[in-house]
C-alpha atoms as a PDB file:
ATOM      1  CA  MET A   1      99.778 100.774  72.909  1.00  0.00           C
ATOM      2  CA  LYS A   2      96.776 102.269  74.673  1.00  0.00           C
ATOM      3  CA  TYR A   3      95.889 101.336  78.235  1.00  0.00           C
ATOM      4  CA  LEU A   4      92.789 102.270  80.095  1.00  0.00           C
ATOM      5  CA  CYS A   5      93.329 103.277  83.678  1.00  0.00           C
ATOM      6  CA  GLN A   6      90.139 103.005  85.667  1.00  0.00           C
ATOM      7  CA  VAL A   7      90.115 104.973  88.947  1.00  0.00           C
ATOM      8  CA  TRP A   8      88.184 103.035  91.648  1.00  0.00           C
ATOM      9  CA  PHE A   9      87.277 104.745  94.972  1.00  0.00           C
ATOM     10  CA  GLU A  10      86.051 103.231  98.169  1.00  0.00           C
ATOM     11  CA  THR A  11      82.850 105.266  98.215  1.00  0.00           C
ATOM     12  CA  ALA A  12      82.889 105.837 102.071  1.00  0.00           C
ATOM     13  CA  LYS A  13      86.577 106.729 102.144  1.00  0.00           C
ATOM     14  CA  ILE A  14      86.676 109.252  99.280  1.00  0.00           C
ATOM     15  CA  ASN A  15      83.465 110.817 100.721  1.00  0.00           C
ATOM     16  CA  ALA A  16      85.232 111.363 104.131  1.00  0.00           C
ATOM     17  CA  ILE A  17      88.065 113.449 102.801  1.00  0.00           C
ATOM     18  CA  SER A  18      88.120 117.032 103.920  1.00  0.00           C
ATOM     19  CA  PRO A  19      87.510 119.955 101.471  1.00  0.00           C
ATOM     20  CA  GLU A  20      91.184 120.882 101.886  1.00  0.00           C
ATOM     21  CA  GLU A  21      92.337 117.258 101.014  1.00  0.00           C
ATOM     22  CA  GLY A  22      89.979 117.500  97.920  1.00  0.00           C
ATOM     23  CA  GLU A  23      91.394 120.630  96.700  1.00  0.00           C
ATOM     24  CA  GLU A  24      94.981 119.246  97.199  1.00  0.00           C
ATOM     25  CA  LEU A  25      94.173 116.097  95.397  1.00  0.00           C
ATOM     26  CA  THR A  26      92.452 118.158  92.372  1.00  0.00           C
ATOM     27  CA  LYS A  27      95.693 120.440  92.166  1.00  0.00           C
ATOM     28  CA  ASP A  28      98.007 117.472  92.261  1.00  0.00           C
ATOM     29  CA  SER A  29      95.969 115.590  89.532  1.00  0.00           C
ATOM     30  CA  VAL A  30      96.018 118.677  87.284  1.00  0.00           C
ATOM     31  CA  VAL A  31      99.713 118.984  87.550  1.00  0.00           C
ATOM     32  CA  ASN A  32     100.249 115.281  86.869  1.00  0.00           C
ATOM     33  CA  ASP A  33      97.824 115.221  83.981  1.00  0.00           C
ATOM     34  CA  ASP A  34      99.711 118.258  82.343  1.00  0.00           C
ATOM     35  CA  ARG A  35     102.937 116.487  82.768  1.00  0.00           C
ATOM     36  CA  LEU A  36     101.727 113.301  81.309  1.00  0.00           C
ATOM     37  CA  ARG A  37     100.075 115.247  78.432  1.00  0.00           C
ATOM     38  CA  ASP A  38     103.314 116.989  77.765  1.00  0.00           C
ATOM     39  CA  SER A  39     105.326 113.722  77.652  1.00  0.00           C
ATOM     40  CA  GLY A  40     102.748 112.329  75.106  1.00  0.00           C
ATOM     41  CA  HIS A  41     101.481 109.626  77.418  1.00  0.00           C
ATOM     42  CA  LEU A  42      97.998 111.124  78.340  1.00  0.00           C
ATOM     43  CA  LEU A  43      95.438 110.881  75.706  1.00  0.00           C
ATOM     44  CA  VAL A  44      92.272 111.429  77.751  1.00  0.00           C
ATOM     45  CA  ALA A  45      91.522 111.996  81.448  1.00  0.00           C
ATOM     46  CA  LEU A  46      87.954 112.447  82.830  1.00  0.00           C
ATOM     47  CA  ALA A  47      86.415 112.233  86.327  1.00  0.00           C
ATOM     48  CA  LEU A  48      82.992 110.804  86.819  1.00  0.00           C
ATOM     49  CA  ARG A  49      80.184 112.223  88.913  1.00  0.00           C
ATOM     50  CA  GLU A  50      78.977 110.153  91.848  1.00  0.00           C
ATOM     51  CA  PRO A  51      77.112 106.944  91.071  1.00  0.00           C
ATOM     52  CA  SER A  52      73.770 108.453  92.160  1.00  0.00           C
ATOM     53  CA  THR A  53      73.801 110.616  89.014  1.00  0.00           C
ATOM     54  CA  ALA A  54      74.132 107.553  86.717  1.00  0.00           C
ATOM     55  CA  VAL A  55      71.497 105.945  84.543  1.00  0.00           C
ATOM     56  CA  THR A  56      71.803 102.239  83.530  1.00  0.00           C
ATOM     57  CA  VAL A  57      70.421 101.323  80.121  1.00  0.00           C
ATOM     58  CA  ARG A  58      69.508  97.815  79.069  1.00  0.00           C
ATOM     59  CA  VAL A  59      68.221  96.407  75.776  1.00  0.00           C
ATOM     60  CA  ARG A  60      66.368  93.096  76.164  1.00  0.00           C
ATOM     61  CA  SER A  61      63.835  91.548  73.781  1.00  0.00           C
ATOM     62  CA  ASN A  62      63.817  94.565  71.553  1.00  0.00           C
ATOM     63  CA  GLY A  63      62.846  96.783  74.595  1.00  0.00           C
ATOM     64  CA  VAL A  64      64.864  99.505  76.303  1.00  0.00           C
ATOM     65  CA  THR A  65      64.981 100.245  80.028  1.00  0.00           C
ATOM     66  CA  ALA A  66      66.617 102.975  81.800  1.00  0.00           C
ATOM     67  CA  THR A  67      67.152 102.879  85.512  1.00  0.00           C
ATOM     68  CA  ASP A  68      68.306 105.688  87.813  1.00  0.00           C
ATOM     69  CA  GLY A  69      71.495 105.167  89.535  1.00  0.00           C
ATOM     70  CA  PRO A  70      73.872 102.103  89.456  1.00  0.00           C
ATOM     71  CA  PHE A  71      72.401  98.648  89.261  1.00  0.00           C
ATOM     72  CA  ALA A  72      73.945  97.154  92.323  1.00  0.00           C
ATOM     73  CA  GLU A  73      74.960  98.314  95.758  1.00  0.00           C
ATOM     74  CA  ILE A  74      78.701  98.677  95.859  1.00  0.00           C
ATOM     75  CA  LYS A  75      81.410  99.572  98.323  1.00  0.00           C
ATOM     76  CA  GLU A  76      83.616 101.088  95.429  1.00  0.00           C
ATOM     77  CA  HIS A  77      82.587 103.087  92.494  1.00  0.00           C
ATOM     78  CA  LEU A  78      84.329 104.009  89.271  1.00  0.00           C
ATOM     79  CA  GLY A  79      85.479 107.653  89.844  1.00  0.00           C
ATOM     80  CA  GLY A  80      87.195 108.312  86.568  1.00  0.00           C
ATOM     81  CA  PHE A  81      89.311 107.102  83.723  1.00  0.00           C
ATOM     82  CA  VAL A  82      92.465 107.942  82.117  1.00  0.00           C
ATOM     83  CA  LEU A  83      93.446 106.736  78.635  1.00  0.00           C
ATOM     84  CA  ILE A  84      97.286 106.625  78.268  1.00  0.00           C
ATOM     85  CA  GLU A  85      99.825 105.496  75.564  1.00  0.00           C
ATOM     86  CA  ALA A  86     102.629 103.247  76.917  1.00  0.00           C
ATOM     87  CA  LYS A  87     105.127 100.860  75.289  1.00  0.00           C
ATOM     88  CA  ASP A  88     103.996  97.986  77.643  1.00  0.00           C
ATOM     89  CA  MET A  89     102.134  96.984  80.738  1.00  0.00           C
ATOM     90  CA  GLN A  90     105.227  97.724  82.821  1.00  0.00           C
ATOM     91  CA  GLU A  91     105.393 101.342  81.632  1.00  0.00           C
ATOM     92  CA  ALA A  92     101.575 101.683  81.918  1.00  0.00           C
ATOM     93  CA  THR A  93     101.618 100.522  85.513  1.00  0.00           C
ATOM     94  CA  ALA A  94     104.528 102.970  86.296  1.00  0.00           C
ATOM     95  CA  ILE A  95     102.458 105.891  84.876  1.00  0.00           C
ATOM     96  CA  ALA A  96      99.342 104.941  86.809  1.00  0.00           C
ATOM     97  CA  ALA A  97     101.370 104.773  89.925  1.00  0.00           C
ATOM     98  CA  THR A  98     101.976 108.537  89.442  1.00  0.00           C
ATOM     99  CA  PHE A  99      98.261 109.399  89.683  1.00  0.00           C
ATOM    100  CA  PRO A 100      97.635 111.252  92.886  1.00  0.00           C
ATOM    101  CA  VAL A 101      94.199 109.549  93.205  1.00  0.00           C
ATOM    102  CA  ALA A 102      95.891 106.240  93.817  1.00  0.00           C
ATOM    103  CA  ARG A 103      96.387 107.490  97.353  1.00  0.00           C
ATOM    104  CA  TYR A 104      92.709 107.385  97.850  1.00  0.00           C
ATOM    105  CA  GLY A 105      91.605 104.317  95.735  1.00  0.00           C
ATOM    106  CA  ALA A 106      92.859 101.825  93.186  1.00  0.00           C
ATOM    107  CA  ILE A 107      93.989 102.172  89.482  1.00  0.00           C
ATOM    108  CA  GLU A 108      92.834  99.179  87.313  1.00  0.00           C
ATOM    109  CA  VAL A 109      95.156  99.207  84.256  1.00  0.00           C
ATOM    110  CA  ARG A 110      94.023  97.349  81.173  1.00  0.00           C
ATOM    111  CA  PRO A 111      95.226  97.161  77.612  1.00  0.00           C
ATOM    112  CA  ALA A 112      92.762  98.610  75.182  1.00  0.00           C
ATOM    113  CA  TYR A 113      92.314  97.910  71.531  1.00  0.00           C
ATOM    114  CA  SER A 114      89.978  99.077  68.652  1.00  0.00           C
ATOM    115  CA  ILE A 115      87.555  96.345  67.740  1.00  0.00           C
ATOM    116  CA  LYS A 116      87.541  97.655  64.238  1.00  0.00           C
ATOM    117  CA  GLU A 117      91.262  96.867  63.948  1.00  0.00           C
ATOM    118  CA  GLU A 118      90.773  93.276  65.249  1.00  0.00           C
ATOM    119  CA  CYS A 119      88.399  92.389  62.472  1.00  0.00           C
END
């Protein structure tokens, strides 16, 4: 079964880490990603740029609007995501606990499914 692990950071806290801490976090994350990829658990792992680089798109009454940045002021932001394969939520949670970024934020684990397969 697939699980989406959303990496949430407290914006002020992650922005306050030193460059050395950031480099260490990146190195640790690459090592962990490689280990999970080799074991067959990691399907996709991507970091996201800061929220100020985002564009929010809405379609309403046949019109499209695009707004720079996130829609709401938030204390936390989505910093990345990891799609994993696990036998159940317990294994998925255990895998998410190995993510080095969990030291600086929170990992939300959700079962994922194909809407095409649900029809």
